[in-house]
Amino acid sequence: MSEKKNTEEFYEKLKTQLYDTTVWPSEYLYKFIVKSEPKKIAEIEGIFNNLGAVIKTQPSKNGKYTSISISVKLKDPETVIEKYKEVIENVEGVISL
């Protein structure tokens, strides 16, 4: 199976789970890990600008990586997935949890 097909299946499953378990609009918590480079952290923060997001960063023990937690109120699961895709497509080396 291709990676693209697996990714699309993941997003479809996530969308279904979000519709089944959550009343929308709702708060959603994103978690990402990136190398501790100010540019990468700023790119992720920029994607959530103007959404009223609460963004917390936590450097790893050795400082090589930074964990970014973003809590934001979104209107529906499609918007949740759009933001995941936007981060993954625009920030090199990001890991989403």
PDB file of N, CA and C in Angstrom:
ATOM      1  N   MET A   1       0.836  -1.180   0.000  1.00  0.00           N
ATOM      2  CA  MET A   1       0.000   0.000   0.000  1.00  0.00           C
ATOM      3  C   MET A   1       0.883   1.248   0.000  1.00  0.00           C
ATOM      4  N   SER A   2       0.478   2.246  -0.718  1.00  0.00           N
ATOM      5  CA  SER A   2       1.286   3.458  -0.788  1.00  0.00           C
ATOM      6  C   SER A   2       1.126   4.287   0.486  1.00  0.00           C
ATOM      7  N   GLU A   3       2.140   5.099   0.746  1.00  0.00           N
ATOM      8  CA  GLU A   3       2.095   5.972   1.919  1.00  0.00           C
ATOM      9  C   GLU A   3       0.945   6.973   1.807  1.00  0.00           C
ATOM     10  N   LYS A   4       0.707   7.482   0.589  1.00  0.00           N
ATOM     11  CA  LYS A   4      -0.378   8.446   0.381  1.00  0.00           C
ATOM     12  C   LYS A   4      -1.732   7.818   0.703  1.00  0.00           C
ATOM     13  N   LYS A   5      -1.930   6.566   0.263  1.00  0.00           N
ATOM     14  CA  LYS A   5      -3.192   5.880   0.540  1.00  0.00           C
ATOM     15  C   LYS A   5      -3.356   5.658   2.041  1.00  0.00           C
ATOM     16  N   ASN A   6      -2.280   5.254   2.723  1.00  0.00           N
ATOM     17  CA  ASN A   6      -2.333   5.073   4.166  1.00  0.00           C
ATOM     18  C   ASN A   6      -2.679   6.377   4.878  1.00  0.00           C
ATOM     19  N   THR A   7      -2.081   7.474   4.415  1.00  0.00           N
ATOM     20  CA  THR A   7      -2.345   8.780   5.012  1.00  0.00           C
ATOM     21  C   THR A   7      -3.810   9.165   4.835  1.00  0.00           C
ATOM     22  N   GLU A   8      -4.333   8.979   3.628  1.00  0.00           N
ATOM     23  CA  GLU A   8      -5.737   9.316   3.387  1.00  0.00           C
ATOM     24  C   GLU A   8      -6.679   8.443   4.234  1.00  0.00           C
ATOM     25  N   GLU A   9      -6.345   7.166   4.371  1.00  0.00           N
ATOM     26  CA  GLU A   9      -7.152   6.282   5.216  1.00  0.00           C
ATOM     27  C   GLU A   9      -7.110   6.749   6.672  1.00  0.00           C
ATOM     28  N   PHE A  10      -5.931   7.173   7.117  1.00  0.00           N
ATOM     29  CA  PHE A  10      -5.797   7.686   8.478  1.00  0.00           C
ATOM     30  C   PHE A  10      -6.713   8.891   8.681  1.00  0.00           C
ATOM     31  N   TYR A  11      -6.686   9.842   7.738  1.00  0.00           N
ATOM     32  CA  TYR A  11      -7.507  11.038   7.882  1.00  0.00           C
ATOM     33  C   TYR A  11      -9.005  10.716   7.836  1.00  0.00           C
ATOM     34  N   GLU A  12      -9.399   9.784   6.995  1.00  0.00           N
ATOM     35  CA  GLU A  12     -10.812   9.382   6.936  1.00  0.00           C
ATOM     36  C   GLU A  12     -11.253   8.765   8.260  1.00  0.00           C
ATOM     37  N   LYS A  13     -10.401   7.907   8.814  1.00  0.00           N
ATOM     38  CA  LYS A  13     -10.714   7.270  10.098  1.00  0.00           C
ATOM     39  C   LYS A  13     -10.792   8.321  11.201  1.00  0.00           C
ATOM     40  N   LEU A  14      -9.847   9.261  11.198  1.00  0.00           N
ATOM     41  CA  LEU A  14      -9.847  10.332  12.189  1.00  0.00           C
ATOM     42  C   LEU A  14     -11.120  11.159  12.087  1.00  0.00           C
ATOM     43  N   LYS A  15     -11.499  11.513  10.852  1.00  0.00           N
ATOM     44  CA  LYS A  15     -12.708  12.315  10.652  1.00  0.00           C
ATOM     45  C   LYS A  15     -13.929  11.603  11.215  1.00  0.00           C
ATOM     46  N   THR A  16     -14.062  10.320  10.932  1.00  0.00           N
ATOM     47  CA  THR A  16     -15.191   9.538  11.428  1.00  0.00           C
ATOM     48  C   THR A  16     -15.193   9.509  12.957  1.00  0.00           C
ATOM     49  N   GLN A  17     -14.017   9.261  13.544  1.00  0.00           N
ATOM     50  CA  GLN A  17     -13.924   9.223  15.009  1.00  0.00           C
ATOM     51  C   GLN A  17     -14.298  10.564  15.624  1.00  0.00           C
ATOM     52  N   LEU A  18     -13.838  11.653  15.016  1.00  0.00           N
ATOM     53  CA  LEU A  18     -14.142  12.978  15.554  1.00  0.00           C
ATOM     54  C   LEU A  18     -15.640  13.281  15.478  1.00  0.00           C
ATOM     55  N   TYR A  19     -16.280  12.911  14.379  1.00  0.00           N
ATOM     56  CA  TYR A  19     -17.730  13.107  14.269  1.00  0.00           C
ATOM     57  C   TYR A  19     -18.479  12.251  15.284  1.00  0.00           C
ATOM     58  N   ASP A  20     -17.996  11.027  15.510  1.00  0.00           N
ATOM     59  CA  ASP A  20     -18.686  10.099  16.409  1.00  0.00           C
ATOM     60  C   ASP A  20     -18.520  10.443  17.884  1.00  0.00           C
ATOM     61  N   THR A  21     -17.432  11.108  18.246  1.00  0.00           N
ATOM     62  CA  THR A  21     -17.127  11.299  19.664  1.00  0.00           C
ATOM     63  C   THR A  21     -17.176  12.740  20.150  1.00  0.00           C
ATOM     64  N   THR A  22     -17.411  13.685  19.264  1.00  0.00           N
ATOM     65  CA  THR A  22     -17.289  15.088  19.643  1.00  0.00           C
ATOM     66  C   THR A  22     -18.458  15.903  19.102  1.00  0.00           C
ATOM     67  N   VAL A  23     -18.913  16.872  19.907  1.00  0.00           N
ATOM     68  CA  VAL A  23     -19.926  17.819  19.454  1.00  0.00           C
ATOM     69  C   VAL A  23     -19.179  19.041  18.917  1.00  0.00           C
ATOM     70  N   TRP A  24     -19.484  19.408  17.681  1.00  0.00           N
ATOM     71  CA  TRP A  24     -18.771  20.507  17.011  1.00  0.00           C
ATOM     72  C   TRP A  24     -19.608  21.762  16.977  1.00  0.00           C
ATOM     73  N   PRO A  25     -18.981  22.960  17.060  1.00  0.00           N
ATOM     74  CA  PRO A  25     -17.548  23.249  17.179  1.00  0.00           C
ATOM     75  C   PRO A  25     -17.010  22.797  18.541  1.00  0.00           C
ATOM     76  N   SER A  26     -15.695  22.520  18.567  1.00  0.00           N
ATOM     77  CA  SER A  26     -15.077  21.991  19.773  1.00  0.00           C
ATOM     78  C   SER A  26     -13.600  22.364  19.842  1.00  0.00           C
ATOM     79  N   GLU A  27     -13.054  22.277  21.075  1.00  0.00           N
ATOM     80  CA  GLU A  27     -11.616  22.455  21.268  1.00  0.00           C
ATOM     81  C   GLU A  27     -10.905  21.203  20.751  1.00  0.00           C
ATOM     82  N   TYR A  28      -9.788  21.398  20.079  1.00  0.00           N
ATOM     83  CA  TYR A  28      -8.989  20.269  19.615  1.00  0.00           C
ATOM     84  C   TYR A  28      -7.547  20.519  20.020  1.00  0.00           C
ATOM     85  N   LEU A  29      -6.867  19.478  20.468  1.00  0.00           N
ATOM     86  CA  LEU A  29      -5.477  19.600  20.885  1.00  0.00           C
ATOM     87  C   LEU A  29      -4.565  18.916  19.876  1.00  0.00           C
ATOM     88  N   TYR A  30      -3.707  19.720  19.250  1.00  0.00           N
ATOM     89  CA  TYR A  30      -2.690  19.210  18.340  1.00  0.00           C
ATOM     90  C   TYR A  30      -1.397  19.064  19.114  1.00  0.00           C
ATOM     91  N   LYS A  31      -0.603  18.058  18.752  1.00  0.00           N
ATOM     92  CA  LYS A  31       0.735  17.910  19.326  1.00  0.00           C
ATOM     93  C   LYS A  31       1.700  17.607  18.185  1.00  0.00           C
ATOM     94  N   PHE A  32       2.752  18.399  18.138  1.00  0.00           N
ATOM     95  CA  PHE A  32       3.777  18.237  17.116  1.00  0.00           C
ATOM     96  C   PHE A  32       5.145  18.230  17.778  1.00  0.00           C
ATOM     97  N   ILE A  33       6.096  17.593  17.110  1.00  0.00           N
ATOM     98  CA  ILE A  33       7.487  17.638  17.535  1.00  0.00           C
ATOM     99  C   ILE A  33       8.316  18.065  16.330  1.00  0.00           C
ATOM    100  N   VAL A  34       9.201  19.046  16.559  1.00  0.00           N
ATOM    101  CA  VAL A  34      10.102  19.516  15.504  1.00  0.00           C
ATOM    102  C   VAL A  34      11.492  19.704  16.098  1.00  0.00           C
ATOM    103  N   LYS A  35      12.491  19.769  15.221  1.00  0.00           N
ATOM    104  CA  LYS A  35      13.826  20.146  15.680  1.00  0.00           C
ATOM    105  C   LYS A  35      13.713  21.539  16.278  1.00  0.00           C
ATOM    106  N   SER A  36      14.509  21.792  17.299  1.00  0.00           N
ATOM    107  CA  SER A  36      14.449  23.082  18.004  1.00  0.00           C
ATOM    108  C   SER A  36      15.074  24.195  17.171  1.00  0.00           C
ATOM    109  N   GLU A  37      14.395  24.541  16.095  1.00  0.00           N
ATOM    110  CA  GLU A  37      14.814  25.643  15.229  1.00  0.00           C
ATOM    111  C   GLU A  37      13.708  26.688  15.255  1.00  0.00           C
ATOM    112  N   PRO A  38      14.040  27.922  15.625  1.00  0.00           N
ATOM    113  CA  PRO A  38      13.013  28.968  15.724  1.00  0.00           C
ATOM    114  C   PRO A  38      12.141  29.102  14.468  1.00  0.00           C
ATOM    115  N   LYS A  39      12.743  28.895  13.292  1.00  0.00           N
ATOM    116  CA  LYS A  39      11.987  29.023  12.040  1.00  0.00           C
ATOM    117  C   LYS A  39      10.871  27.970  11.970  1.00  0.00           C
ATOM    118  N   LYS A  40      11.177  26.734  12.332  1.00  0.00           N
ATOM    119  CA  LYS A  40      10.180  25.663  12.278  1.00  0.00           C
ATOM    120  C   LYS A  40       9.051  25.911  13.280  1.00  0.00           C
ATOM    121  N   ILE A  41       9.415  26.339  14.479  1.00  0.00           N
ATOM    122  CA  ILE A  41       8.413  26.624  15.507  1.00  0.00           C
ATOM    123  C   ILE A  41       7.520  27.777  15.035  1.00  0.00           C
ATOM    124  N   ALA A  42       8.123  28.807  14.465  1.00  0.00           N
ATOM    125  CA  ALA A  42       7.355  29.960  13.968  1.00  0.00           C
ATOM    126  C   ALA A  42       6.428  29.560  12.818  1.00  0.00           C
ATOM    127  N   GLU A  43       6.874  28.645  11.959  1.00  0.00           N
ATOM    128  CA  GLU A  43       6.026  28.197  10.847  1.00  0.00           C
ATOM    129  C   GLU A  43       4.756  27.534  11.378  1.00  0.00           C
ATOM    130  N   ILE A  44       4.911  26.675  12.380  1.00  0.00           N
ATOM    131  CA  ILE A  44       3.744  26.007  12.951  1.00  0.00           C
ATOM    132  C   ILE A  44       2.837  27.021  13.642  1.00  0.00           C
ATOM    133  N   GLU A  45       3.422  27.904  14.433  1.00  0.00           N
ATOM    134  CA  GLU A  45       2.611  28.930  15.109  1.00  0.00           C
ATOM    135  C   GLU A  45       1.866  29.782  14.089  1.00  0.00           C
ATOM    136  N   GLY A  46       2.509  30.101  12.974  1.00  0.00           N
ATOM    137  CA  GLY A  46       1.883  30.918  11.945  1.00  0.00           C
ATOM    138  C   GLY A  46       0.655  30.272  11.325  1.00  0.00           C
ATOM    139  N   ILE A  47       0.662  28.961  11.218  1.00  0.00           N
ATOM    140  CA  ILE A  47      -0.477  28.242  10.633  1.00  0.00           C
ATOM    141  C   ILE A  47      -1.711  28.388  11.513  1.00  0.00           C
ATOM    142  N   PHE A  48      -1.507  28.578  12.818  1.00  0.00           N
ATOM    143  CA  PHE A  48      -2.635  28.699  13.746  1.00  0.00           C
ATOM    144  C   PHE A  48      -2.899  30.140  14.171  1.00  0.00           C
ATOM    145  N   ASN A  49      -2.201  31.108  13.532  1.00  0.00           N
ATOM    146  CA  ASN A  49      -2.436  32.525  13.815  1.00  0.00           C
ATOM    147  C   ASN A  49      -3.882  32.891  13.531  1.00  0.00           C
ATOM    148  N   ASN A  50      -4.385  33.843  14.249  1.00  0.00           N
ATOM    149  CA  ASN A  50      -5.736  34.392  14.049  1.00  0.00           C
ATOM    150  C   ASN A  50      -6.850  33.382  14.293  1.00  0.00           C
ATOM    151  N   LEU A  51      -6.557  32.299  15.006  1.00  0.00           N
ATOM    152  CA  LEU A  51      -7.602  31.318  15.337  1.00  0.00           C
ATOM    153  C   LEU A  51      -7.884  31.295  16.833  1.00  0.00           C
ATOM    154  N   GLY A  52      -7.201  32.140  17.602  1.00  0.00           N
ATOM    155  CA  GLY A  52      -7.370  32.143  19.046  1.00  0.00           C
ATOM    156  C   GLY A  52      -6.747  30.929  19.713  1.00  0.00           C
ATOM    157  N   ALA A  53      -5.748  30.347  19.084  1.00  0.00           N
ATOM    158  CA  ALA A  53      -5.109  29.134  19.602  1.00  0.00           C
ATOM    159  C   ALA A  53      -4.228  29.449  20.811  1.00  0.00           C
ATOM    160  N   VAL A  54      -4.191  28.502  21.745  1.00  0.00           N
ATOM    161  CA  VAL A  54      -3.267  28.568  22.864  1.00  0.00           C
ATOM    162  C   VAL A  54      -2.120  27.623  22.516  1.00  0.00           C
ATOM    163  N   ILE A  55      -0.924  28.195  22.394  1.00  0.00           N
ATOM    164  CA  ILE A  55       0.237  27.429  21.938  1.00  0.00           C
ATOM    165  C   ILE A  55       1.270  27.352  23.051  1.00  0.00           C
ATOM    166  N   LYS A  56       1.681  26.120  23.373  1.00  0.00           N
ATOM    167  CA  LYS A  56       2.703  25.900  24.391  1.00  0.00           C
ATOM    168  C   LYS A  56       3.850  25.116  23.764  1.00  0.00           C
ATOM    169  N   THR A  57       5.068  25.552  24.053  1.00  0.00           N
ATOM    170  CA  THR A  57       6.242  24.836  23.551  1.00  0.00           C
ATOM    171  C   THR A  57       7.051  24.303  24.735  1.00  0.00           C
ATOM    172  N   GLN A  58       7.670  23.154  24.521  1.00  0.00           N
ATOM    173  CA  GLN A  58       8.469  22.522  25.563  1.00  0.00           C
ATOM    174  C   GLN A  58       9.701  21.896  24.904  1.00  0.00           C
ATOM    175  N   PRO A  59      10.893  22.412  25.210  1.00  0.00           N
ATOM    176  CA  PRO A  59      12.089  21.798  24.642  1.00  0.00           C
ATOM    177  C   PRO A  59      12.335  20.418  25.258  1.00  0.00           C
ATOM    178  N   SER A  60      12.935  19.524  24.480  1.00  0.00           N
ATOM    179  CA  SER A  60      13.289  18.208  25.005  1.00  0.00           C
ATOM    180  C   SER A  60      14.408  18.357  26.031  1.00  0.00           C
ATOM    181  N   LYS A  61      14.683  17.284  26.734  1.00  0.00           N
ATOM    182  CA  LYS A  61      15.692  17.302  27.795  1.00  0.00           C
ATOM    183  C   LYS A  61      17.045  17.789  27.284  1.00  0.00           C
ATOM    184  N   ASN A  62      17.436  17.340  26.106  1.00  0.00           N
ATOM    185  CA  ASN A  62      18.730  17.758  25.561  1.00  0.00           C
ATOM    186  C   ASN A  62      18.628  18.990  24.664  1.00  0.00           C
ATOM    187  N   GLY A  63      17.413  19.497  24.458  1.00  0.00           N
ATOM    188  CA  GLY A  63      17.218  20.722  23.687  1.00  0.00           C
ATOM    189  C   GLY A  63      17.230  20.551  22.178  1.00  0.00           C
ATOM    190  N   LYS A  64      17.371  19.320  21.706  1.00  0.00           N
ATOM    191  CA  LYS A  64      17.453  19.081  20.264  1.00  0.00           C
ATOM    192  C   LYS A  64      16.083  19.223  19.587  1.00  0.00           C
ATOM    193  N   TYR A  65      15.022  18.857  20.306  1.00  0.00           N
ATOM    194  CA  TYR A  65      13.672  18.911  19.757  1.00  0.00           C
ATOM    195  C   TYR A  65      12.765  19.765  20.640  1.00  0.00           C
ATOM    196  N   THR A  66      11.672  20.230  20.046  1.00  0.00           N
ATOM    197  CA  THR A  66      10.676  20.991  20.788  1.00  0.00           C
ATOM    198  C   THR A  66       9.309  20.384  20.545  1.00  0.00           C
ATOM    199  N   SER A  67       8.577  20.185  21.630  1.00  0.00           N
ATOM    200  CA  SER A  67       7.190  19.724  21.560  1.00  0.00           C
ATOM    201  C   SER A  67       6.299  20.959  21.512  1.00  0.00           C
ATOM    202  N   ILE A  68       5.333  20.947  20.606  1.00  0.00           N
ATOM    203  CA  ILE A  68       4.411  22.076  20.474  1.00  0.00           C
ATOM    204  C   ILE A  68       2.997  21.549  20.662  1.00  0.00           C
ATOM    205  N   SER A  69       2.301  22.079  21.669  1.00  0.00           N
ATOM    206  CA  SER A  69       0.902  21.720  21.922  1.00  0.00           C
ATOM    207  C   SER A  69       0.048  22.927  21.558  1.00  0.00           C
ATOM    208  N   ILE A  70      -0.980  22.676  20.762  1.00  0.00           N
ATOM    209  CA  ILE A  70      -1.839  23.756  20.286  1.00  0.00           C
ATOM    210  C   ILE A  70      -3.290  23.392  20.574  1.00  0.00           C
ATOM    211  N   SER A  71      -3.926  24.201  21.401  1.00  0.00           N
ATOM    212  CA  SER A  71      -5.339  23.999  21.707  1.00  0.00           C
ATOM    213  C   SER A  71      -6.117  25.097  20.993  1.00  0.00           C
ATOM    214  N   VAL A  72      -7.075  24.674  20.175  1.00  0.00           N
ATOM    215  CA  VAL A  72      -7.801  25.653  19.373  1.00  0.00           C
ATOM    216  C   VAL A  72      -9.235  25.174  19.145  1.00  0.00           C
ATOM    217  N   LYS A  73     -10.173  26.115  19.148  1.00  0.00           N
ATOM    218  CA  LYS A  73     -11.572  25.778  18.885  1.00  0.00           C
ATOM    219  C   LYS A  73     -11.796  25.790  17.374  1.00  0.00           C
ATOM    220  N   LEU A  74     -12.271  24.646  16.864  1.00  0.00           N
ATOM    221  CA  LEU A  74     -12.502  24.515  15.429  1.00  0.00           C
ATOM    222  C   LEU A  74     -13.944  24.107  15.162  1.00  0.00           C
ATOM    223  N   LYS A  75     -14.407  24.383  13.928  1.00  0.00           N
ATOM    224  CA  LYS A  75     -15.823  24.191  13.617  1.00  0.00           C
ATOM    225  C   LYS A  75     -16.208  22.757  13.291  1.00  0.00           C
ATOM    226  N   ASP A  76     -15.255  21.967  12.741  1.00  0.00           N
ATOM    227  CA  ASP A  76     -15.618  20.604  12.332  1.00  0.00           C
ATOM    228  C   ASP A  76     -14.359  19.769  12.087  1.00  0.00           C
ATOM    229  N   PRO A  77     -14.528  18.444  11.978  1.00  0.00           N
ATOM    230  CA  PRO A  77     -13.364  17.572  11.740  1.00  0.00           C
ATOM    231  C   PRO A  77     -12.601  17.882  10.453  1.00  0.00           C
ATOM    232  N   GLU A  78     -13.285  18.375   9.439  1.00  0.00           N
ATOM    233  CA  GLU A  78     -12.585  18.724   8.194  1.00  0.00           C
ATOM    234  C   GLU A  78     -11.539  19.807   8.448  1.00  0.00           C
ATOM    235  N   THR A  79     -11.879  20.771   9.310  1.00  0.00           N
ATOM    236  CA  THR A  79     -10.939  21.844   9.632  1.00  0.00           C
ATOM    237  C   THR A  79      -9.753  21.291  10.411  1.00  0.00           C
ATOM    238  N   VAL A  80     -10.003  20.342  11.311  1.00  0.00           N
ATOM    239  CA  VAL A  80      -8.922  19.687  12.057  1.00  0.00           C
ATOM    240  C   VAL A  80      -7.929  19.057  11.075  1.00  0.00           C
ATOM    241  N   ILE A  81      -8.457  18.319  10.112  1.00  0.00           N
ATOM    242  CA  ILE A  81      -7.613  17.619   9.136  1.00  0.00           C
ATOM    243  C   ILE A  81      -6.895  18.597   8.213  1.00  0.00           C
ATOM    244  N   GLU A  82      -7.574  19.668   7.807  1.00  0.00           N
ATOM    245  CA  GLU A  82      -6.933  20.690   6.968  1.00  0.00           C
ATOM    246  C   GLU A  82      -5.684  21.245   7.648  1.00  0.00           C
ATOM    247  N   LYS A  83      -5.789  21.504   8.948  1.00  0.00           N
ATOM    248  CA  LYS A  83      -4.650  22.069   9.683  1.00  0.00           C
ATOM    249  C   LYS A  83      -3.518  21.053   9.796  1.00  0.00           C
ATOM    250  N   TYR A  84      -3.850  19.770  10.045  1.00  0.00           N
ATOM    251  CA  TYR A  84      -2.803  18.744  10.054  1.00  0.00           C
ATOM    252  C   TYR A  84      -2.066  18.744   8.724  1.00  0.00           C
ATOM    253  N   LYS A  85      -2.815  18.724   7.627  1.00  0.00           N
ATOM    254  CA  LYS A  85      -2.203  18.677   6.300  1.00  0.00           C
ATOM    255  C   LYS A  85      -1.351  19.914   6.037  1.00  0.00           C
ATOM    256  N   GLU A  86      -1.848  21.080   6.462  1.00  0.00           N
ATOM    257  CA  GLU A  86      -1.110  22.322   6.247  1.00  0.00           C
ATOM    258  C   GLU A  86       0.243  22.286   6.970  1.00  0.00           C
ATOM    259  N   VAL A  87       0.241  21.785   8.202  1.00  0.00           N
ATOM    260  CA  VAL A  87       1.494  21.698   8.958  1.00  0.00           C
ATOM    261  C   VAL A  87       2.442  20.701   8.293  1.00  0.00           C
ATOM    262  N   ILE A  88       1.943  19.516   7.985  1.00  0.00           N
ATOM    263  CA  ILE A  88       2.795  18.465   7.405  1.00  0.00           C
ATOM    264  C   ILE A  88       3.370  18.881   6.051  1.00  0.00           C
ATOM    265  N   GLU A  89       2.571  19.588   5.241  1.00  0.00           N
ATOM    266  CA  GLU A  89       3.037  20.007   3.920  1.00  0.00           C
ATOM    267  C   GLU A  89       4.014  21.179   3.974  1.00  0.00           C
ATOM    268  N   ASN A  90       3.947  21.996   5.034  1.00  0.00           N
ATOM    269  CA  ASN A  90       4.737  23.223   5.068  1.00  0.00           C
ATOM    270  C   ASN A  90       5.921  23.222   6.017  1.00  0.00           C
ATOM    271  N   VAL A  91       5.973  22.278   6.939  1.00  0.00           N
ATOM    272  CA  VAL A  91       7.050  22.271   7.929  1.00  0.00           C
ATOM    273  C   VAL A  91       7.846  20.977   7.769  1.00  0.00           C
ATOM    274  N   GLU A  92       9.046  21.112   7.263  1.00  0.00           N
ATOM    275  CA  GLU A  92       9.882  19.940   6.996  1.00  0.00           C
ATOM    276  C   GLU A  92      10.285  19.242   8.286  1.00  0.00           C
ATOM    277  N   GLY A  93      10.141  17.915   8.299  1.00  0.00           N
ATOM    278  CA  GLY A  93      10.594  17.116   9.427  1.00  0.00           C
ATOM    279  C   GLY A  93       9.683  17.094  10.643  1.00  0.00           C
ATOM    280  N   VAL A  94       8.484  17.655  10.519  1.00  0.00           N
ATOM    281  CA  VAL A  94       7.564  17.689  11.666  1.00  0.00           C
ATOM    282  C   VAL A  94       6.995  16.288  11.917  1.00  0.00           C
ATOM    283  N   ILE A  95       6.789  15.984  13.173  1.00  0.00           N
ATOM    284  CA  ILE A  95       6.144  14.735  13.577  1.00  0.00           C
ATOM    285  C   ILE A  95       4.844  15.125  14.265  1.00  0.00           C
ATOM    286  N   SER A  96       3.742  14.556  13.825  1.00  0.00           N
ATOM    287  CA  SER A  96       2.464  14.832  14.492  1.00  0.00           C
ATOM    288  C   SER A  96       2.114  13.643  15.367  1.00  0.00           C
ATOM    289  N   LEU A  97       1.608  13.948  16.540  1.00  0.00           N
ATOM    290  CA  LEU A  97       1.254  12.889  17.498  1.00  0.00           C
ATOM    291  C   LEU A  97      -0.252  12.804  17.636  1.00  0.00           C
TER     292      LEU A  97
END
